[in-house]
Protein backbone atom coordinates (compact mmCIF):
# COMPACT_ATOMS: atom_id res chain seq x y z
CA UNK A 1 -50.52 80.91 -48.14
CA UNK A 2 -47.21 81.33 -46.38
CA UNK A 3 -46.94 83.43 -43.28
CA UNK A 4 -43.71 85.13 -42.16
CA UNK A 5 -43.93 83.28 -38.85
CA UNK A 6 -44.24 79.65 -39.95
CA UNK A 7 -45.36 77.16 -42.53
CA UNK A 8 -48.54 77.53 -44.54
CA UNK A 9 -51.72 77.11 -42.60
CA UNK A 10 -52.60 73.44 -42.01
CA UNK A 11 -49.06 72.10 -42.45
CA UNK A 12 -46.83 70.91 -39.54
CA UNK A 13 -43.91 73.01 -38.59
CA UNK A 14 -40.74 71.00 -39.32
CA UNK A 15 -38.97 72.66 -36.46
CA UNK A 16 -41.18 70.81 -34.01
CA UNK A 17 -41.37 67.46 -35.82
CA UNK A 18 -40.24 64.39 -33.72
CA UNK A 19 -36.83 62.97 -34.55
CA UNK A 20 -37.02 60.21 -37.09
CA UNK A 21 -34.21 58.10 -35.52
CA UNK A 22 -31.37 58.05 -33.02
CA UNK A 23 -28.62 60.59 -33.29
CA UNK A 24 -25.84 59.59 -35.59
CA UNK A 25 -23.14 61.75 -34.11
CA UNK A 26 -20.01 59.61 -34.13
CA UNK A 27 -17.80 59.34 -31.08
CA UNK A 28 -20.54 59.42 -28.46
CA UNK A 29 -19.67 55.84 -27.46
CA UNK A 30 -16.18 54.52 -28.21
CA UNK A 31 -16.28 52.19 -31.20
CA UNK A 32 -20.05 52.55 -31.47
CA UNK A 33 -22.29 53.90 -34.16
CA UNK A 34 -25.93 53.55 -33.13
CA UNK A 35 -28.05 51.66 -35.60
CA UNK A 36 -25.02 50.03 -37.24
CA UNK A 37 -23.99 46.37 -36.85
CA UNK A 38 -21.83 46.06 -33.75
CA UNK A 39 -23.45 49.09 -32.17
CA UNK A 40 -25.15 49.26 -28.82
CA UNK A 41 -27.53 46.35 -28.40
CA UNK A 42 -26.38 44.65 -31.62
CA UNK A 43 -22.84 43.43 -30.86
CA UNK A 44 -22.92 39.68 -31.33
CA UNK A 45 -21.95 37.63 -28.27
CA UNK A 46 -21.63 40.64 -25.97
CA UNK A 47 -25.19 41.54 -25.14
CA UNK A 48 -28.39 39.57 -25.68
CA UNK A 49 -30.38 40.84 -28.62
CA UNK A 50 -32.82 43.54 -27.68
CA UNK A 51 -32.19 43.35 -23.91
CA UNK A 52 -29.72 46.15 -23.48
CA UNK A 53 -28.06 44.27 -20.56
CA UNK A 54 -24.89 42.14 -20.57
CA UNK A 55 -25.47 38.38 -20.10
CA UNK A 56 -24.75 36.70 -16.76
CA UNK A 57 -21.44 34.77 -16.66
CA UNK A 58 -21.78 31.04 -17.22
CA UNK A 59 -20.89 29.21 -13.94
CA UNK A 60 -18.00 26.72 -14.19
CA UNK A 61 -17.97 23.52 -12.06
CA UNK A 62 -15.04 21.34 -11.08
CA UNK A 63 -15.44 18.09 -9.15
CA UNK A 64 -13.16 17.36 -6.19
CA UNK A 65 -13.22 13.60 -6.83
CA UNK A 66 -10.05 13.55 -9.02
CA UNK A 67 -8.02 15.28 -6.31
CA UNK A 68 -9.47 13.01 -3.61
CA UNK A 69 -8.47 9.98 -5.69
CA UNK A 70 -4.93 11.28 -6.18
CA UNK A 71 -4.40 12.08 -2.48
CA UNK A 72 -5.78 8.72 -1.33
CA UNK A 73 -3.57 6.94 -3.87
CA UNK A 74 -0.47 8.65 -2.46
CA UNK A 75 -1.42 8.08 1.17
CA UNK A 76 -2.13 4.40 0.52
CA UNK A 77 1.65 3.84 0.34
CA UNK A 78 2.13 5.47 3.75
CA UNK A 79 -0.79 4.23 5.86
CA UNK A 80 -3.91 2.05 5.68
CA UNK A 81 -2.80 0.70 2.28
CA UNK A 82 -5.70 -1.50 1.17
CA UNK A 83 -8.53 0.74 2.40
CA UNK A 84 -7.12 3.95 0.90
CA UNK A 85 -6.24 2.12 -2.33
CA UNK A 86 -9.87 1.02 -2.75
CA UNK A 87 -11.07 4.58 -2.07
CA UNK A 88 -8.57 5.90 -4.63
CA UNK A 89 -9.81 3.44 -7.26
CA UNK A 90 -13.51 4.16 -6.69
CA UNK A 91 -13.10 7.95 -6.62
CA UNK A 92 -10.72 7.73 -9.59
CA UNK A 93 -13.31 5.98 -11.76
CA UNK A 94 -16.05 8.39 -10.68
CA UNK A 95 -13.73 11.39 -11.01
CA UNK A 96 -12.79 10.51 -14.59
CA UNK A 97 -16.45 10.37 -15.60
CA UNK A 98 -17.24 13.62 -13.80
CA UNK A 99 -14.24 15.42 -15.29
CA UNK A 100 -15.20 14.38 -18.82
CA UNK A 101 -18.77 15.57 -18.27
CA UNK A 102 -17.46 18.95 -17.05
CA UNK A 103 -14.91 19.23 -19.82
CA UNK A 104 -12.02 19.20 -17.35
CA UNK A 105 -8.75 17.25 -17.29
CA UNK A 106 -8.81 13.66 -16.03
CA UNK A 107 -5.13 13.68 -15.04
CA UNK A 108 -5.51 13.59 -11.25
CA UNK A 109 -8.28 11.00 -11.40
CA UNK A 110 -6.19 8.76 -13.67
CA UNK A 111 -3.13 9.14 -11.44
CA UNK A 112 -5.15 8.26 -8.33
CA UNK A 113 -6.66 5.24 -10.08
CA UNK A 114 -3.24 3.96 -11.13
CA UNK A 115 -1.75 4.52 -7.67
CA UNK A 116 -4.64 2.67 -6.06
CA UNK A 117 -4.23 -0.31 -8.38
CA UNK A 118 -0.46 -0.41 -7.80
CA UNK A 119 -0.98 -0.34 -4.05
CA UNK A 120 -3.48 -3.20 -4.20
CA UNK A 121 -1.04 -5.29 -6.25
CA UNK A 122 1.84 -4.48 -3.88
CA UNK A 123 -0.33 -5.25 -0.85
CA UNK A 124 -1.41 -8.58 -2.33
CA UNK A 125 2.22 -9.54 -3.02
CA UNK A 126 3.23 -8.50 0.51
CA UNK A 127 0.42 -10.55 2.06
CA UNK A 128 1.38 -13.60 0.00
CA UNK A 129 5.03 -13.25 1.03
CA UNK A 130 4.09 -12.83 4.69
CA UNK A 131 1.85 -15.88 4.59
CA UNK A 132 4.55 -17.87 2.83
CA UNK A 133 7.17 -16.85 5.37
CA UNK A 134 4.79 -17.60 8.22
CA UNK A 135 4.07 -21.06 6.85
CA UNK A 136 7.81 -21.63 6.44
CA UNK A 137 8.50 -20.63 10.05
CA UNK A 138 5.69 -22.86 11.33
CA UNK A 139 7.00 -25.79 9.30
CA UNK A 140 10.52 -25.21 10.55
CA UNK A 141 9.39 -25.09 14.18
CA UNK A 142 7.33 -28.24 13.64
CA UNK A 143 10.35 -30.04 12.22
CA UNK A 144 12.52 -28.86 15.09
CA UNK A 145 10.03 -30.03 17.68
CA UNK A 146 9.96 -33.45 15.99
CA UNK A 147 13.75 -33.57 16.30
CA UNK A 148 13.66 -32.30 19.90
CA UNK A 149 11.58 -35.33 20.83
CA UNK A 150 14.54 -37.44 19.67
CA UNK A 151 16.88 -35.63 22.03
CA UNK A 152 14.93 -36.44 25.19
CA UNK A 153 15.55 -40.24 25.22
CA UNK A 154 19.04 -39.71 23.77
CA UNK A 155 19.91 -37.43 26.70
CA UNK A 156 18.58 -40.01 29.17
CA UNK A 157 20.77 -42.68 27.54
CA UNK A 158 23.82 -40.37 27.66
CA UNK A 159 23.37 -39.86 31.41
CA UNK A 160 23.07 -43.64 31.83
CA UNK A 161 26.32 -43.99 29.87
CA UNK A 162 28.00 -41.53 32.28
CA UNK A 163 26.64 -43.36 35.30
CA UNK A 164 28.05 -46.69 34.13
CA UNK A 165 31.45 -45.41 32.96
CA UNK A 166 32.04 -42.33 35.03
CA UNK A 167 32.87 -40.27 31.94
CA UNK A 168 31.40 -39.16 28.64
CA UNK A 169 34.56 -40.15 26.80
CA UNK A 170 33.84 -42.37 23.82
CA UNK A 171 30.19 -41.32 23.63
CA UNK A 172 28.61 -41.91 20.20
CA UNK A 173 25.22 -42.63 18.75
CA UNK A 174 26.01 -46.35 18.57
CA UNK A 175 27.21 -46.29 22.20
CA UNK A 176 23.75 -45.12 23.28
CA UNK A 177 22.01 -48.23 21.96
CA UNK A 178 22.90 -50.47 24.93
CA UNK A 179 21.31 -47.84 27.16
CA UNK A 180 17.96 -47.98 25.42
CA UNK A 181 18.20 -45.42 22.62
CA UNK A 182 17.98 -45.97 18.87
CA UNK A 183 17.32 -43.05 16.45
CA UNK A 184 13.92 -43.01 14.76
CA UNK A 185 13.60 -43.47 11.01
CA UNK A 186 14.09 -40.25 9.07
CA UNK A 187 16.18 -38.66 11.81
CA UNK A 188 19.95 -38.37 12.02
CA UNK A 189 21.36 -38.25 15.57
CA UNK A 190 24.99 -37.54 16.46
CA UNK A 191 26.36 -37.93 20.00
CA UNK A 192 29.87 -36.81 20.99
CA UNK A 193 31.96 -35.92 24.03
CA UNK A 194 34.64 -33.39 24.83
CA UNK A 195 38.28 -34.45 24.73
CA UNK A 196 38.51 -34.82 28.51
CA UNK A 197 35.16 -36.62 28.75
CA UNK A 198 33.66 -34.04 31.08
CA UNK A 199 31.02 -32.79 28.62
CA UNK A 200 28.76 -34.23 25.97
CA UNK A 201 26.52 -32.98 23.21
CA UNK A 202 23.81 -34.65 21.16
CA UNK A 203 22.46 -33.11 17.96
CA UNK A 204 19.66 -34.29 15.72
CA UNK A 205 18.05 -33.28 12.43
CA UNK A 206 15.41 -34.46 10.03
CA UNK A 207 17.00 -36.15 7.04
CA UNK A 208 17.56 -33.68 4.21
CA UNK A 209 16.57 -30.64 6.28
CA UNK A 210 19.63 -28.82 7.70
CA UNK A 211 17.42 -26.04 9.07
CA UNK A 212 15.98 -28.49 11.62
CA UNK A 213 19.32 -29.14 13.38
CA UNK A 214 19.09 -28.75 17.19
CA UNK A 215 21.30 -29.84 20.06
CA UNK A 216 21.54 -30.14 23.82
CA UNK A 217 22.60 -29.38 26.46
CA UNK A 218 22.34 -25.59 26.16
CA UNK A 219 25.60 -23.75 26.74
CA UNK A 220 26.32 -20.21 27.88
CA UNK A 221 27.31 -19.37 24.32
CA UNK A 222 23.90 -20.60 23.09
CA UNK A 223 22.14 -18.26 25.48
CA UNK A 224 24.43 -15.37 24.55
CA UNK A 225 23.76 -15.66 20.81
CA UNK A 226 20.01 -16.24 21.23
CA UNK A 227 19.87 -19.79 19.88
CA UNK A 228 18.65 -21.30 23.18
CA UNK A 229 14.97 -22.20 23.41
CA UNK A 230 13.14 -23.13 26.62
CA UNK A 231 10.18 -25.44 26.15
CA UNK A 232 9.74 -26.88 29.63
CA UNK A 233 8.66 -30.43 30.37
CA UNK A 234 11.22 -33.23 30.33
CA UNK A 235 13.57 -31.21 28.14
CA UNK A 236 14.08 -27.88 29.84
CA UNK A 237 15.91 -26.26 26.96
CA UNK A 238 17.54 -26.93 23.60
CA UNK A 239 19.43 -24.81 21.11
CA UNK A 240 19.29 -24.52 17.35
CA UNK A 241 22.30 -25.39 15.25
CA UNK A 242 24.97 -28.12 15.54
CA UNK A 243 26.87 -29.14 18.65
CA UNK A 244 29.55 -26.71 19.88
CA UNK A 245 31.47 -29.70 21.31
CA UNK A 246 33.96 -31.26 18.87
């Protein structure tokens, strides 16, 4: 039986029935229709399913090793070459691995690695050249000192020649023999005097080695141009190069 104020007795009043689903009024949320794919809580990749909250941003990492390698590689050409080059190589290798694992570029790590290797090669070449030049200088000085030892008795013989003749005129290597001097094997000795016989000069060199030429006595010009060398002992000084007396 139906009453004028509601549904038949024993039946629920539809006016007070609970809603069967969410409202479907469009436009409540921009671009959103509740219950439809892409709606609130269902948009793929934007919100986790069923949570109702946006996901936390994924943290990104970036190693500093590639940049350290690059900077050390550059600085190795300006200061502390070998040490910084080794650091650049080690951090470059580690930085390349780390960058690949992080999905980042390996450019700086590769550049630092290459710079470190180049610096090591350049340093090795420089050290070899320095050692070679040092050995050459030592050998040259050794040869010169061998020749200098020839000049000591030759100078004594030249002074004996002066004492007996009163002049250096006519002085030669052969003229020194009567006064007790004969050049050693492997050494070329040349003795000469000035035109007026007031000065003399004796030069010597190892055979086949022009760089070993030395002479005495030392002149003012020798000291002015830096070729004079003081060694003390019996021979106070000698000079490199040939005799200035013709």
